[in-house]
Amino acid sequence: MPLYEYQCASCGKIEEAIQKFSDAPLTTCKYCSGNLNKLISHSSFHLKGTGWYVTDYSNKSKTGTHTANSSPGNEKTGSGDTSAGTASSATGGESAD
């Protein structure tokens, strides 16, 4: 079950409560009976082991970025060759007619 933190508006004390998602939020401070405000706190959730995006795909995406950086150079060379070949063919075709 989730752990929620509440801070009292009157005395400033912070309370922690383990509650279900369906439970109503706490409204009164157990120390001074003041109003409580729900705090947004950092989660302690951490993905460990394999089977998660972080572990399975992070290295591939870094490699993919490196490959993507080298690919434009290869594509430029390939595009240049293709353009030259197409231009020669077009010129050769025009000369033949």
C-alpha atoms as a PDB file:
ATOM      1  CA  MET A   1       0.000   0.000   0.000  1.00  0.00           C
ATOM      2  CA  PRO A   2       1.205   3.534  -0.711  1.00  0.00           C
ATOM      3  CA  LEU A   3       2.746   5.743   1.948  1.00  0.00           C
ATOM      4  CA  TYR A   4       1.317   9.268   1.973  1.00  0.00           C
ATOM      5  CA  GLU A   5       2.758  12.323   3.704  1.00  0.00           C
ATOM      6  CA  TYR A   6       0.647  15.106   5.180  1.00  0.00           C
ATOM      7  CA  GLN A   7       1.773  18.434   6.663  1.00  0.00           C
ATOM      8  CA  CYS A   8      -0.227  20.328   9.253  1.00  0.00           C
ATOM      9  CA  ALA A   9      -1.057  23.917   8.321  1.00  0.00           C
ATOM     10  CA  SER A  10      -1.099  24.958  12.012  1.00  0.00           C
ATOM     11  CA  CYS A  11       1.886  23.277  13.689  1.00  0.00           C
ATOM     12  CA  GLY A  12       3.887  22.296  10.561  1.00  0.00           C
ATOM     13  CA  LYS A  13       4.447  18.693  11.649  1.00  0.00           C
ATOM     14  CA  ILE A  14       4.617  16.036   8.956  1.00  0.00           C
ATOM     15  CA  GLU A  15       2.627  12.829   9.349  1.00  0.00           C
ATOM     16  CA  GLU A  16       3.000   9.648   7.338  1.00  0.00           C
ATOM     17  CA  ALA A  17       0.061   7.351   6.694  1.00  0.00           C
ATOM     18  CA  ILE A  18      -0.144   4.028   4.885  1.00  0.00           C
ATOM     19  CA  GLN A  19      -3.438   4.119   3.012  1.00  0.00           C
ATOM     20  CA  LYS A  20      -5.227   2.324   0.217  1.00  0.00           C
ATOM     21  CA  PHE A  21      -5.955   4.232  -2.971  1.00  0.00           C
ATOM     22  CA  SER A  22      -9.640   4.072  -2.105  1.00  0.00           C
ATOM     23  CA  ASP A  23      -9.180   5.519   1.422  1.00  0.00           C
ATOM     24  CA  ALA A  24     -10.211   9.117   2.038  1.00  0.00           C
ATOM     25  CA  PRO A  25      -7.298  11.524   2.650  1.00  0.00           C
ATOM     26  CA  LEU A  26      -6.557  12.579   6.233  1.00  0.00           C
ATOM     27  CA  THR A  27      -7.918  16.005   7.154  1.00  0.00           C
ATOM     28  CA  THR A  28      -7.046  16.666  10.824  1.00  0.00           C
ATOM     29  CA  CYS A  29      -3.675  16.670  12.570  1.00  0.00           C
ATOM     30  CA  LYS A  30      -3.379  14.124  15.387  1.00  0.00           C
ATOM     31  CA  TYR A  31      -1.149  16.538  17.375  1.00  0.00           C
ATOM     32  CA  CYS A  32      -3.064  19.836  17.256  1.00  0.00           C
ATOM     33  CA  SER A  33      -6.289  19.059  15.303  1.00  0.00           C
ATOM     34  CA  GLY A  34      -5.259  21.519  12.558  1.00  0.00           C
ATOM     35  CA  ASN A  35      -5.896  21.041   8.840  1.00  0.00           C
ATOM     36  CA  LEU A  36      -3.621  18.650   6.928  1.00  0.00           C
ATOM     37  CA  ASN A  37      -2.322  19.177   3.401  1.00  0.00           C
ATOM     38  CA  LYS A  38      -1.220  16.190   1.334  1.00  0.00           C
ATOM     39  CA  LEU A  39       2.414  16.471   0.240  1.00  0.00           C
ATOM     40  CA  ILE A  40       3.817  15.260  -3.042  1.00  0.00           C
ATOM     41  CA  SER A  41       6.917  13.282  -2.208  1.00  0.00           C
ATOM     42  CA  HIS A  42       9.571  11.445  -4.179  1.00  0.00           C
ATOM     43  CA  SER A  43       8.872   7.801  -4.848  1.00  0.00           C
ATOM     44  CA  SER A  44      11.316   5.143  -3.701  1.00  0.00           C
ATOM     45  CA  PHE A  45      10.342   2.884  -6.610  1.00  0.00           C
ATOM     46  CA  HIS A  46      13.356   1.486  -8.463  1.00  0.00           C
ATOM     47  CA  LEU A  47      13.466  -0.943 -11.386  1.00  0.00           C
ATOM     48  CA  LYS A  48      15.967  -3.748 -10.838  1.00  0.00           C
ATOM     49  CA  GLY A  49      16.855  -6.716 -12.984  1.00  0.00           C
ATOM     50  CA  THR A  50      16.135  -7.340 -16.630  1.00  0.00           C
ATOM     51  CA  GLY A  51      12.926  -6.987 -18.562  1.00  0.00           C
ATOM     52  CA  TRP A  52      12.646  -3.209 -18.201  1.00  0.00           C
ATOM     53  CA  TYR A  53      13.173  -0.558 -20.855  1.00  0.00           C
ATOM     54  CA  VAL A  54      16.019   0.997 -18.873  1.00  0.00           C
ATOM     55  CA  THR A  55      18.068  -2.213 -18.797  1.00  0.00           C
ATOM     56  CA  ASP A  56      17.136  -3.809 -22.100  1.00  0.00           C
ATOM     57  CA  TYR A  57      17.016  -0.882 -24.510  1.00  0.00           C
ATOM     58  CA  SER A  58      19.217   1.850 -23.032  1.00  0.00           C
ATOM     59  CA  ASN A  59      22.457   0.474 -24.520  1.00  0.00           C
ATOM     60  CA  LYS A  60      20.807  -0.134 -27.876  1.00  0.00           C
ATOM     61  CA  SER A  61      19.500   3.427 -28.015  1.00  0.00           C
ATOM     62  CA  LYS A  62      22.980   4.780 -27.237  1.00  0.00           C
ATOM     63  CA  THR A  63      24.420   2.541 -29.934  1.00  0.00           C
ATOM     64  CA  GLY A  64      21.576   3.582 -32.229  1.00  0.00           C
ATOM     65  CA  THR A  65      22.430   7.233 -31.646  1.00  0.00           C
ATOM     66  CA  HIS A  66      26.057   6.527 -32.492  1.00  0.00           C
ATOM     67  CA  THR A  67      24.989   4.601 -35.583  1.00  0.00           C
ATOM     68  CA  ALA A  68      22.613   7.404 -36.516  1.00  0.00           C
ATOM     69  CA  ASN A  69      25.503   9.877 -36.327  1.00  0.00           C
ATOM     70  CA  SER A  70      27.610   7.760 -38.657  1.00  0.00           C
ATOM     71  CA  SER A  71      24.683   6.921 -40.952  1.00  0.00           C
ATOM     72  CA  PRO A  72      24.210  10.444 -42.343  1.00  0.00           C
ATOM     73  CA  GLY A  73      27.814  10.336 -43.542  1.00  0.00           C
ATOM     74  CA  ASN A  74      27.116   7.016 -45.229  1.00  0.00           C
ATOM     75  CA  GLU A  75      23.815   8.259 -46.614  1.00  0.00           C
ATOM     76  CA  LYS A  76      25.493  11.341 -48.076  1.00  0.00           C
ATOM     77  CA  THR A  77      28.041   9.164 -49.811  1.00  0.00           C
ATOM     78  CA  GLY A  78      25.305   6.812 -50.983  1.00  0.00           C
ATOM     79  CA  SER A  79      23.113   9.696 -52.092  1.00  0.00           C
ATOM     80  CA  GLY A  80      26.011  11.308 -53.934  1.00  0.00           C
ATOM     81  CA  ASP A  81      26.755   8.091 -55.792  1.00  0.00           C
ATOM     82  CA  THR A  82      23.092   7.567 -56.626  1.00  0.00           C
ATOM     83  CA  SER A  83      22.686  11.142 -57.820  1.00  0.00           C
ATOM     84  CA  ALA A  84      25.802  10.885 -59.958  1.00  0.00           C
ATOM     85  CA  GLY A  85      24.626   7.564 -61.350  1.00  0.00           C
ATOM     86  CA  THR A  86      21.184   8.958 -62.100  1.00  0.00           C
ATOM     87  CA  ALA A  87      22.672  12.049 -63.708  1.00  0.00           C
ATOM     88  CA  SER A  88      24.966   9.897 -65.881  1.00  0.00           C
ATOM     89  CA  SER A  89      22.085   7.695 -66.906  1.00  0.00           C
ATOM     90  CA  ALA A  90      19.935  10.671 -67.765  1.00  0.00           C
ATOM     91  CA  THR A  91      22.769  12.296 -69.686  1.00  0.00           C
ATOM     92  CA  GLY A  92      23.635   9.027 -71.368  1.00  0.00           C
ATOM     93  CA  GLY A  93      20.000   8.560 -72.333  1.00  0.00           C
ATOM     94  CA  GLU A  94      19.780  12.059 -73.785  1.00  0.00           C
ATOM     95  CA  SER A  95      23.006  11.583 -75.755  1.00  0.00           C
ATOM     96  CA  ALA A  96      21.779   8.303 -77.192  1.00  0.00           C
ATOM     97  CA  ASP A  97      18.579   9.917 -78.525  1.00  0.00           C
END
